[in-house]
Every structure is written in structure tokens, then in C-alpha cells.
Amino acid sequence: MNRLLVFASGVLVLTGGPACAANTQFWNLTKDKIVSLQISPAGKANWGQNQTDNDPDHSVDPDERLKITGTPAGTYDVRFTDARGRTCTVANVVIDSGKIFSIDEAQLSKCSK
């Protein structure tokens, strides 16, 4: 029994635990390059780190995917700025650990320049 507990604990440490966002990705389905992308718990406006820092050129081209870090599974608001200077917020985006979530032009109703 103790060996099983030690093994299970080791697996959780190695995988980052059940809330780890390992391999979670954002897929940019908008028509513009995104130069800043932040995530907040839904309705909180508590914006986290700029996720584009996870990309070598610090941006996400159209149809490109971006690794998301530090974000456990849940429902979030996503705010981004694109290369044209447009800032958009998309509310209530479901992010599942290890899966891909996307934003497309049809979802962009709250944008400003």
C-alpha cells in the first residue's frame, strides 16, 4: 500500500498534478496576428501574464497555436491585442487542461482600438 502511495505521489509531481495546464494551447482563428494575450477568471478582470511570452517571436499568427501556461481548467475571459492595435475581450471561454481552445472573428463583439 505504501509503495502505491509513493508511486501515485511521484506521478502527480512529475505531471504537475491534476490542475496542470500541460499541453493546453490557444489556436488563433482571427484574421490578425495577436501580440498580447491575457487570461482572467470569468468576470474578475484579474488579468494574468502575457501568454505570447511563451512564443519565440512573442506573437500568435493567424492559424498558429500558442502554449498556455499557469492556467488550470476552468471558465475564463480572454483579452488580446492584435497587430492592428485592436483590443478584444471574449467572455466565458472554457479552457480544458491539455486541450486546444480557439477564438475566431465571429466571437469578437467587444473590441476597441
Protein backbone atom coordinates (compact mmCIF):
# COMPACT_ATOMS: atom_id res chain seq x y z
CA MET A 1 0.00 0.00 0.00
CA ASN A 2 2.81 2.42 0.90
CA ARG A 3 4.57 1.73 -2.41
CA LEU A 4 1.37 2.59 -4.28
CA LEU A 5 1.03 5.86 -2.38
CA VAL A 6 4.66 6.78 -3.11
CA PHE A 7 4.19 5.91 -6.80
CA ALA A 8 0.97 7.96 -7.07
CA SER A 9 2.63 10.93 -5.36
CA GLY A 10 5.54 10.72 -7.78
CA VAL A 11 3.20 10.67 -10.76
CA LEU A 12 1.42 13.80 -9.52
CA VAL A 13 4.72 15.60 -9.04
CA LEU A 14 6.01 14.59 -12.47
CA THR A 15 2.81 15.52 -14.30
CA GLY A 16 2.18 18.71 -12.39
CA GLY A 17 -0.94 17.43 -10.68
CA PRO A 18 -4.49 17.27 -11.90
CA ALA A 19 -4.90 21.04 -12.39
CA CYS A 20 -1.80 21.40 -14.57
CA ALA A 21 -2.39 23.02 -17.96
CA ALA A 22 0.17 20.77 -19.66
CA ASN A 23 -0.11 21.00 -23.44
CA THR A 24 -3.05 23.41 -23.27
CA GLN A 25 -2.98 25.59 -26.39
CA PHE A 26 -4.72 28.63 -27.81
CA TRP A 27 -5.47 28.47 -31.55
CA ASN A 28 -5.70 31.89 -33.22
CA LEU A 29 -8.57 31.73 -35.70
CA THR A 30 -8.82 35.52 -36.05
CA LYS A 31 -7.58 37.27 -39.19
CA ASP A 32 -4.79 39.18 -37.40
CA LYS A 33 -1.56 38.47 -35.58
CA ILE A 34 -2.04 38.63 -31.79
CA VAL A 35 0.72 40.46 -29.92
CA SER A 36 -0.65 40.18 -26.36
CA LEU A 37 -2.99 37.61 -24.80
CA GLN A 38 -4.06 37.54 -21.16
CA ILE A 39 -6.48 35.32 -19.25
CA SER A 40 -8.64 36.12 -16.21
CA PRO A 41 -11.10 34.04 -14.22
CA ALA A 42 -14.51 34.78 -15.77
CA GLY A 43 -15.94 38.11 -14.63
CA LYS A 44 -12.96 39.02 -12.41
CA ALA A 45 -10.79 41.29 -14.67
CA ASN A 46 -7.76 39.89 -12.85
CA TRP A 47 -5.54 39.58 -15.95
CA GLY A 48 -2.62 37.18 -15.78
CA GLN A 49 0.71 37.13 -17.56
CA ASN A 50 1.05 37.87 -21.26
CA GLN A 51 0.85 34.38 -22.75
CA THR A 52 2.52 35.48 -26.01
CA ASP A 53 5.76 35.48 -23.99
CA ASN A 54 5.55 31.67 -24.42
CA ASP A 55 6.16 32.04 -28.17
CA PRO A 56 9.64 32.59 -29.67
CA ASP A 57 8.53 35.73 -31.57
CA HIS A 58 6.13 36.85 -28.78
CA SER A 59 3.10 36.78 -31.08
CA VAL A 60 0.50 34.39 -32.49
CA ASP A 61 -0.08 34.49 -36.24
CA PRO A 62 -3.47 33.57 -37.72
CA ASP A 63 -3.89 29.77 -37.64
CA GLU A 64 -0.96 29.44 -35.22
CA ARG A 65 -1.19 27.76 -31.82
CA LEU A 66 0.25 29.10 -28.59
CA LYS A 67 1.23 27.16 -25.47
CA ILE A 68 -0.76 28.36 -22.43
CA THR A 69 0.88 28.18 -19.01
CA GLY A 70 -0.26 28.74 -15.44
CA THR A 71 -3.95 28.29 -16.23
CA PRO A 72 -5.82 25.37 -14.69
CA ALA A 73 -9.02 24.10 -16.30
CA GLY A 74 -11.98 26.41 -15.91
CA THR A 75 -14.01 29.22 -17.46
CA TYR A 76 -12.11 32.39 -18.29
CA ASP A 77 -12.28 35.74 -20.00
CA VAL A 78 -9.59 36.20 -22.64
CA ARG A 79 -8.25 39.62 -23.60
CA PHE A 80 -5.90 40.16 -26.51
CA THR A 81 -4.38 42.92 -28.61
CA ASP A 82 -3.70 42.32 -32.28
CA ALA A 83 -1.10 43.82 -34.59
CA ARG A 84 -3.61 46.47 -35.80
CA GLY A 85 -3.93 47.76 -32.23
CA ARG A 86 -7.40 46.36 -31.67
CA THR A 87 -8.02 45.10 -28.11
CA CYS A 88 -10.73 42.47 -27.71
CA THR A 89 -12.22 40.61 -24.77
CA VAL A 90 -14.04 37.31 -25.16
CA ALA A 91 -16.03 36.24 -22.11
CA ASN A 92 -16.64 32.77 -20.71
CA VAL A 93 -14.09 30.78 -22.69
CA VAL A 94 -13.84 27.19 -21.43
CA ILE A 95 -10.24 26.02 -21.06
CA ASP A 96 -9.70 22.31 -20.50
CA SER A 97 -6.32 21.06 -19.34
CA GLY A 98 -4.33 19.54 -22.18
CA LYS A 99 -6.76 20.64 -24.88
CA ILE A 100 -6.92 23.34 -27.53
CA PHE A 101 -9.27 26.31 -27.29
CA SER A 102 -9.75 28.85 -30.06
CA ILE A 103 -11.11 32.31 -30.73
CA ASP A 104 -12.42 33.31 -34.16
CA GLU A 105 -13.70 36.54 -35.71
CA ALA A 106 -17.36 35.62 -35.04
CA GLN A 107 -16.68 35.77 -31.28
CA LEU A 108 -15.30 39.33 -31.39
CA SER A 109 -18.05 41.69 -30.32
CA LYS A 110 -16.19 43.53 -27.56
CA CYS A 111 -13.23 45.19 -29.32
CA SER A 112 -11.80 48.69 -29.16
CA LYS A 113 -8.99 50.49 -30.84
